[in-house]
Amino acid sequence: MSEKVVTRFAPSPTGFMHIGGVRTALFAWLWARKNNGTFILRIEDTDKNREVAGSIEHIMESLRWLELDWDYGPDKPGPWTHASCLQSDRLNLYKEYAQKLIDKGLAYPDPYTDKEREAFRKKAEIEKRPFLFREHRPAMFETWDGTKPLRFKVPEVKRYQWHDVVRGELSAGPEMLDDFILIKSDGYPTYNFAHIIDDLEMGVTHVMRGEEFIASQPKFLSLYDALEIPYPIFVTLPPIMGPDGKKKLSKRDGAKDLLEYRTDGYLPEAMRNFLALIGWNPGGDREFLPESELL
């Protein structure tokens, strides 16, 4: 592999870490270390209404317990122009890229009120068709002053195809493309926008995340194309299932705070091994792989 591998784990500080999130961190860390690459811990703290005090420290402590060290993180600014690994410190960066889209005619302020948008949704529901904001896109764009949400104008409505290292060839039709929000009226970017800009600026080569993001992938690809950004390598990890085996494990299913396992006396190497073998097996009947073999 000629390009230096850069991976990231980018949780939101909205509560405690459980095994579903940290398993993503483990695989991102393993792939970076296997390839003598870089592992970044980025905190996606743009939803201030849901942020829980102490979550960032809890995330860092969880990774430290599992001995997953990071090259750049909340406590280690990177070598980039916008050095912080906290998205809330990088707001000017997102505005720069938003302006690029505005200049291309590919972003516009949402002119509607909440009541008007809800009326559009209800009409689509009555007509038994999906609600697409792009069908209500204004003919003329106002000047964006930051007081209204800034939306992405999908430049081309088409079928997208992409390659995922785990899932293979994937595709989705034009019904999955819409004019999504880039920057909210509070000045904070959405995940859909910010993670793409951060991955570009931080040189991320492999984007590892859960399958819940597959449905949004066409929107992401449309934004990559609009900004003329080359695609990274996409790696969709299989979900850790809840007790009934029908849906992804969540905190509602009683998923424990990761650090409770430490309190209960579990060793970090046992937890790493357990996480690595959920949803994957190297073959045979071996149940323990030391770190060197996991790498």
Protein backbone atom coordinates (compact mmCIF):
# COMPACT_ATOMS: atom_id res chain seq x y z
CA MET A 1 0.00 0.00 0.00
CA SER A 2 1.72 3.16 -1.22
CA GLU A 3 -0.41 5.71 0.64
CA LYS A 4 0.10 6.01 4.39
CA VAL A 5 -2.86 4.49 6.22
CA VAL A 6 -4.83 6.93 8.39
CA THR A 7 -7.87 5.73 10.35
CA ARG A 8 -10.07 7.48 12.88
CA PHE A 9 -12.53 6.74 15.63
CA ALA A 10 -15.01 9.60 15.85
CA PRO A 11 -17.58 9.17 18.63
CA SER A 12 -20.10 11.74 19.82
CA PRO A 13 -19.84 12.67 23.53
CA THR A 14 -23.46 11.81 24.26
CA GLY A 15 -23.00 9.23 27.02
CA PHE A 16 -20.91 6.27 28.06
CA MET A 17 -19.03 4.00 25.69
CA HIS A 18 -20.37 0.51 25.14
CA ILE A 19 -18.98 -2.45 23.20
CA GLY A 20 -20.64 -1.48 19.91
CA GLY A 21 -18.73 1.79 19.65
CA VAL A 22 -15.43 0.58 21.00
CA ARG A 23 -15.34 -2.40 18.62
CA THR A 24 -15.18 0.13 15.75
CA ALA A 25 -12.27 1.83 17.54
CA LEU A 26 -10.48 -1.49 17.92
CA PHE A 27 -10.60 -2.35 14.21
CA ALA A 28 -9.59 1.18 13.17
CA TRP A 29 -6.68 1.03 15.64
CA LEU A 30 -5.59 -2.45 14.54
CA TRP A 31 -5.57 -1.50 10.86
CA ALA A 32 -3.54 1.65 11.50
CA ARG A 33 -1.01 -0.17 13.66
CA LYS A 34 -0.70 -3.13 11.26
CA ASN A 35 0.24 -0.70 8.47
CA ASN A 36 2.47 1.59 10.57
CA GLY A 37 -0.13 4.26 9.97
CA THR A 38 -1.90 6.93 12.02
CA PHE A 39 -4.87 6.49 14.35
CA ILE A 40 -6.91 9.59 15.22
CA LEU A 41 -9.41 10.00 18.05
CA ARG A 42 -11.78 12.72 16.85
CA ILE A 43 -14.67 13.96 18.97
CA GLU A 44 -17.79 14.87 16.99
CA ASP A 45 -19.31 17.32 19.48
CA THR A 46 -21.64 19.30 17.23
CA ASP A 47 -24.93 18.25 18.83
CA LYS A 48 -24.76 20.39 21.94
CA ASN A 49 -28.31 19.52 23.02
CA ARG A 50 -27.39 15.84 23.47
CA GLU A 51 -23.84 16.26 24.82
CA VAL A 52 -23.28 14.72 28.25
CA ALA A 53 -20.73 16.27 30.62
CA GLY A 54 -17.73 14.03 31.21
CA SER A 55 -18.27 11.96 28.05
CA ILE A 56 -15.02 12.98 26.36
CA GLU A 57 -12.97 11.96 29.40
CA HIS A 58 -14.94 8.70 29.57
CA ILE A 59 -14.19 7.92 25.90
CA MET A 60 -10.48 8.55 26.42
CA GLU A 61 -10.38 6.49 29.62
CA SER A 62 -12.16 3.59 27.87
CA LEU A 63 -9.59 3.51 25.08
CA ARG A 64 -6.73 3.83 27.54
CA TRP A 65 -8.05 0.84 29.49
CA LEU A 66 -8.06 -1.23 26.30
CA GLU A 67 -4.54 0.09 25.54
CA LEU A 68 -5.65 1.63 22.25
CA ASP A 69 -3.33 4.62 21.96
CA TRP A 70 -3.99 7.47 19.54
CA ASP A 71 -1.55 9.60 17.56
CA TYR A 72 -3.82 12.65 17.59
CA GLY A 73 -6.81 13.33 19.79
CA PRO A 74 -8.46 15.79 22.18
CA ASP A 75 -5.22 15.95 24.16
CA LYS A 76 -2.88 15.80 21.12
CA PRO A 77 -3.62 18.40 18.41
CA GLY A 78 -2.73 17.34 14.88
CA PRO A 79 -0.33 18.86 12.34
CA TRP A 80 -3.21 20.29 10.27
CA THR A 81 -4.07 23.98 9.88
CA HIS A 82 -7.13 23.41 12.08
CA ALA A 83 -5.26 21.31 14.61
CA SER A 84 -7.92 20.44 17.17
CA CYS A 85 -9.59 17.02 17.17
CA LEU A 86 -12.76 18.54 18.65
CA GLN A 87 -15.24 19.51 15.95
CA SER A 88 -16.50 22.42 18.04
CA ASP A 89 -13.04 23.98 17.65
CA ARG A 90 -13.15 23.63 13.86
CA LEU A 91 -16.25 25.68 13.00
CA ASN A 92 -14.37 28.13 10.77
CA LEU A 93 -13.15 25.19 8.66
CA TYR A 94 -16.70 24.04 7.92
CA LYS A 95 -17.72 27.59 7.01
CA GLU A 96 -14.83 27.76 4.52
CA TYR A 97 -16.06 24.63 2.75
CA ALA A 98 -19.67 25.80 2.97
CA GLN A 99 -18.64 28.99 1.18
CA LYS A 100 -17.03 26.92 -1.59
CA LEU A 101 -20.36 25.19 -2.14
CA ILE A 102 -22.25 28.51 -2.03
CA ASP A 103 -19.86 29.95 -4.63
CA LYS A 104 -20.59 26.94 -6.87
CA GLY A 105 -24.33 27.42 -6.46
CA LEU A 106 -24.51 24.13 -4.53
CA ALA A 107 -25.66 25.39 -1.13
CA TYR A 108 -28.51 27.64 -0.09
CA PRO A 109 -30.32 28.86 3.04
CA ASP A 110 -33.50 26.95 3.84
CA PRO A 111 -36.27 29.57 3.43
CA TYR A 112 -39.02 27.60 5.17
CA THR A 113 -40.37 27.62 8.70
CA ASP A 114 -40.71 24.44 10.76
CA LYS A 115 -44.47 24.60 10.17
CA GLU A 116 -44.04 24.81 6.40
CA ARG A 117 -41.60 21.89 6.32
CA GLU A 118 -43.98 19.79 8.42
CA ALA A 119 -46.79 20.56 5.95
CA PHE A 120 -44.60 19.29 3.09
CA ARG A 121 -43.94 16.07 5.02
CA LYS A 122 -47.60 15.51 5.81
CA LYS A 123 -48.60 16.05 2.17
CA ALA A 124 -46.04 13.44 1.05
CA GLU A 125 -47.33 11.06 3.71
CA ILE A 126 -50.94 11.48 2.58
CA GLU A 127 -49.85 10.88 -1.03
CA LYS A 128 -47.91 7.78 0.14
CA ARG A 129 -44.60 8.90 -1.30
CA PRO A 130 -41.24 9.67 0.32
CA PHE A 131 -40.67 13.25 1.42
CA LEU A 132 -37.81 14.84 -0.53
CA PHE A 133 -36.79 18.37 0.33
CA ARG A 134 -35.27 18.87 -3.11
CA GLU A 135 -38.79 18.86 -4.55
CA HIS A 136 -39.39 22.08 -2.58
CA ARG A 137 -36.07 23.72 -3.39
CA PRO A 138 -36.58 27.49 -3.91
CA ALA A 139 -36.15 28.85 -7.43
CA MET A 140 -33.96 31.70 -6.18
CA PHE A 141 -31.42 31.42 -3.36
CA GLU A 142 -31.17 34.06 -0.66
CA THR A 143 -27.82 35.21 0.73
CA TRP A 144 -26.87 33.02 3.68
CA ASP A 145 -26.28 35.05 6.84
CA GLY A 146 -26.02 32.12 9.27
CA THR A 147 -29.46 32.59 10.82
CA LYS A 148 -31.09 29.84 8.73
CA PRO A 149 -29.97 26.27 8.09
CA LEU A 150 -27.67 25.94 5.07
CA ARG A 151 -28.67 23.11 2.74
CA PHE A 152 -26.68 21.22 0.15
CA LYS A 153 -28.09 21.35 -3.37
CA VAL A 154 -27.67 17.88 -4.84
CA PRO A 155 -25.92 18.63 -8.15
CA GLU A 156 -27.04 15.48 -9.97
CA VAL A 157 -29.88 13.10 -9.15
CA LYS A 158 -28.66 9.68 -10.25
CA ARG A 159 -28.00 6.12 -9.14
CA TYR A 160 -24.77 5.73 -7.14
CA GLN A 161 -22.55 2.67 -7.03
CA TRP A 162 -19.61 2.23 -4.67
CA HIS A 163 -17.26 -0.40 -3.31
CA ASP A 164 -17.15 -1.39 0.33
CA VAL A 165 -14.22 -3.53 1.49
CA VAL A 166 -16.49 -5.73 3.64
CA ARG A 167 -19.82 -5.59 1.79
CA GLY A 168 -18.54 -5.57 -1.79
CA GLU A 169 -20.34 -3.67 -4.55
CA LEU A 170 -23.25 -1.55 -3.30
CA SER A 171 -25.66 0.78 -5.03
CA ALA A 172 -28.66 3.00 -4.32
CA GLY A 173 -31.15 4.86 -6.47
CA PRO A 174 -31.86 8.58 -6.82
CA GLU A 175 -34.60 8.41 -4.18
CA MET A 176 -31.80 8.29 -1.59
CA LEU A 177 -30.46 11.71 -2.63
CA ASP A 178 -31.79 14.87 -1.06
CA ASP A 179 -30.88 18.44 -0.14
CA PHE A 180 -29.63 17.79 3.39
CA ILE A 181 -28.55 20.35 5.98
CA LEU A 182 -24.86 21.25 6.04
CA ILE A 183 -24.82 23.82 8.84
CA LYS A 184 -27.62 24.29 11.38
CA SER A 185 -29.00 27.65 12.43
CA ASP A 186 -26.94 27.40 15.64
CA GLY A 187 -23.75 27.54 13.56
CA TYR A 188 -22.77 23.90 14.10
CA PRO A 189 -22.35 21.54 11.14
CA THR A 190 -24.24 18.28 10.76
CA TYR A 191 -22.47 14.93 10.85
CA ASN A 192 -23.24 14.50 7.14
CA PHE A 193 -21.08 17.53 6.33
CA ALA A 194 -18.45 17.77 9.05
CA HIS A 195 -17.10 14.21 8.94
CA ILE A 196 -16.35 14.47 5.21
CA ILE A 197 -14.44 17.73 5.65
CA ASP A 198 -12.53 16.41 8.67
CA ASP A 199 -11.61 13.16 6.93
CA LEU A 200 -10.27 15.15 3.98
CA GLU A 201 -8.29 17.62 6.10
CA MET A 202 -6.90 14.86 8.36
CA GLY A 203 -5.91 12.64 5.44
CA VAL A 204 -8.12 9.71 6.49
CA THR A 205 -7.69 6.81 4.06
CA HIS A 206 -10.06 4.23 5.57
CA VAL A 207 -13.51 5.16 6.90
CA MET A 208 -14.67 2.42 9.28
CA ARG A 209 -18.20 2.64 10.66
CA GLY A 210 -21.43 0.74 11.28
CA GLU A 211 -24.00 -0.38 8.73
CA GLU A 212 -26.52 2.27 9.80
CA PHE A 213 -24.62 4.71 7.56
CA ILE A 214 -25.08 2.70 4.34
CA ALA A 215 -28.42 4.39 3.62
CA SER A 216 -26.74 7.81 3.79
CA GLN A 217 -23.80 6.86 1.59
CA PRO A 218 -25.30 8.25 -1.66
CA LYS A 219 -25.66 11.67 0.02
CA PHE A 220 -22.05 11.49 1.15
CA LEU A 221 -20.87 10.52 -2.35
CA SER A 222 -22.80 13.40 -3.86
CA LEU A 223 -21.03 15.81 -1.50
CA TYR A 224 -17.61 14.27 -2.26
CA ASP A 225 -18.33 14.84 -5.95
CA ALA A 226 -19.55 18.41 -5.43
CA LEU A 227 -16.32 19.30 -3.61
CA GLU A 228 -14.21 17.23 -6.05
CA ILE A 229 -12.89 15.11 -3.18
CA PRO A 230 -11.56 11.61 -3.98
CA TYR A 231 -13.38 8.87 -2.10
CA PRO A 232 -11.62 7.20 0.84
CA ILE A 233 -11.82 3.43 1.30
CA PHE A 234 -15.15 2.49 2.88
CA VAL A 235 -15.27 -0.28 5.48
CA THR A 236 -18.66 -1.20 6.93
CA LEU A 237 -18.36 -3.25 10.11
CA PRO A 238 -21.10 -5.77 10.94
CA PRO A 239 -23.31 -4.79 13.87
CA ILE A 240 -23.19 -6.32 17.33
CA MET A 241 -26.71 -7.62 17.80
CA GLY A 242 -28.99 -7.16 20.79
CA PRO A 243 -30.23 -10.07 22.93
CA ASP A 244 -33.11 -10.90 20.57
CA GLY A 245 -30.77 -11.15 17.57
CA LYS A 246 -33.05 -8.90 15.50
CA LYS A 247 -31.54 -5.45 15.95
CA LYS A 248 -28.30 -3.71 16.81
CA LEU A 249 -27.27 -3.70 20.46
CA SER A 250 -28.04 -0.37 22.11
CA LYS A 251 -28.02 1.24 25.52
CA ARG A 252 -31.79 0.58 25.63
CA ASP A 253 -31.00 -3.17 25.52
CA GLY A 254 -28.92 -2.84 28.67
CA ALA A 255 -25.54 -2.48 26.96
CA LYS A 256 -23.13 -1.82 29.80
CA ASP A 257 -20.78 1.07 30.24
CA LEU A 258 -17.48 -0.34 28.96
CA LEU A 259 -15.64 0.65 32.13
CA GLU A 260 -18.05 -1.46 34.21
CA TYR A 261 -16.23 -4.49 32.80
CA ARG A 262 -13.01 -3.10 34.30
CA THR A 263 -14.79 -2.69 37.64
CA ASP A 264 -16.02 -6.28 37.35
CA GLY A 265 -12.43 -7.49 37.02
CA TYR A 266 -12.14 -8.19 33.31
CA LEU A 267 -8.66 -7.75 31.83
CA PRO A 268 -8.17 -5.40 28.88
CA GLU A 269 -6.60 -8.11 26.73
CA ALA A 270 -9.65 -10.34 27.35
CA MET A 271 -12.01 -7.53 26.33
CA ARG A 272 -9.96 -6.76 23.19
CA ASN A 273 -10.03 -10.44 22.22
CA PHE A 274 -13.79 -10.65 22.87
CA LEU A 275 -14.49 -7.56 20.74
CA ALA A 276 -12.28 -8.73 17.88
CA LEU A 277 -14.05 -12.09 17.60
CA ILE A 278 -17.61 -10.69 17.55
CA GLY A 279 -18.75 -11.02 13.95
CA TRP A 280 -15.46 -12.44 12.68
CA ASN A 281 -13.42 -15.61 13.14
CA PRO A 282 -9.98 -16.48 11.77
CA GLY A 283 -11.03 -20.09 11.19
CA GLY A 284 -10.55 -23.15 13.37
CA ASP A 285 -11.51 -23.39 17.02
CA ARG A 286 -9.05 -20.97 18.60
CA GLU A 287 -10.63 -18.63 21.11
CA PHE A 288 -7.69 -16.44 22.06
CA LEU A 289 -5.53 -14.28 19.78
CA PRO A 290 -2.78 -12.19 21.39
CA GLU A 291 -2.36 -8.61 20.15
CA SER A 292 0.45 -9.53 17.75
CA GLU A 293 -1.82 -11.99 15.96
CA LEU A 294 -4.78 -9.61 15.93
CA LEU A 295 -2.55 -7.09 14.17
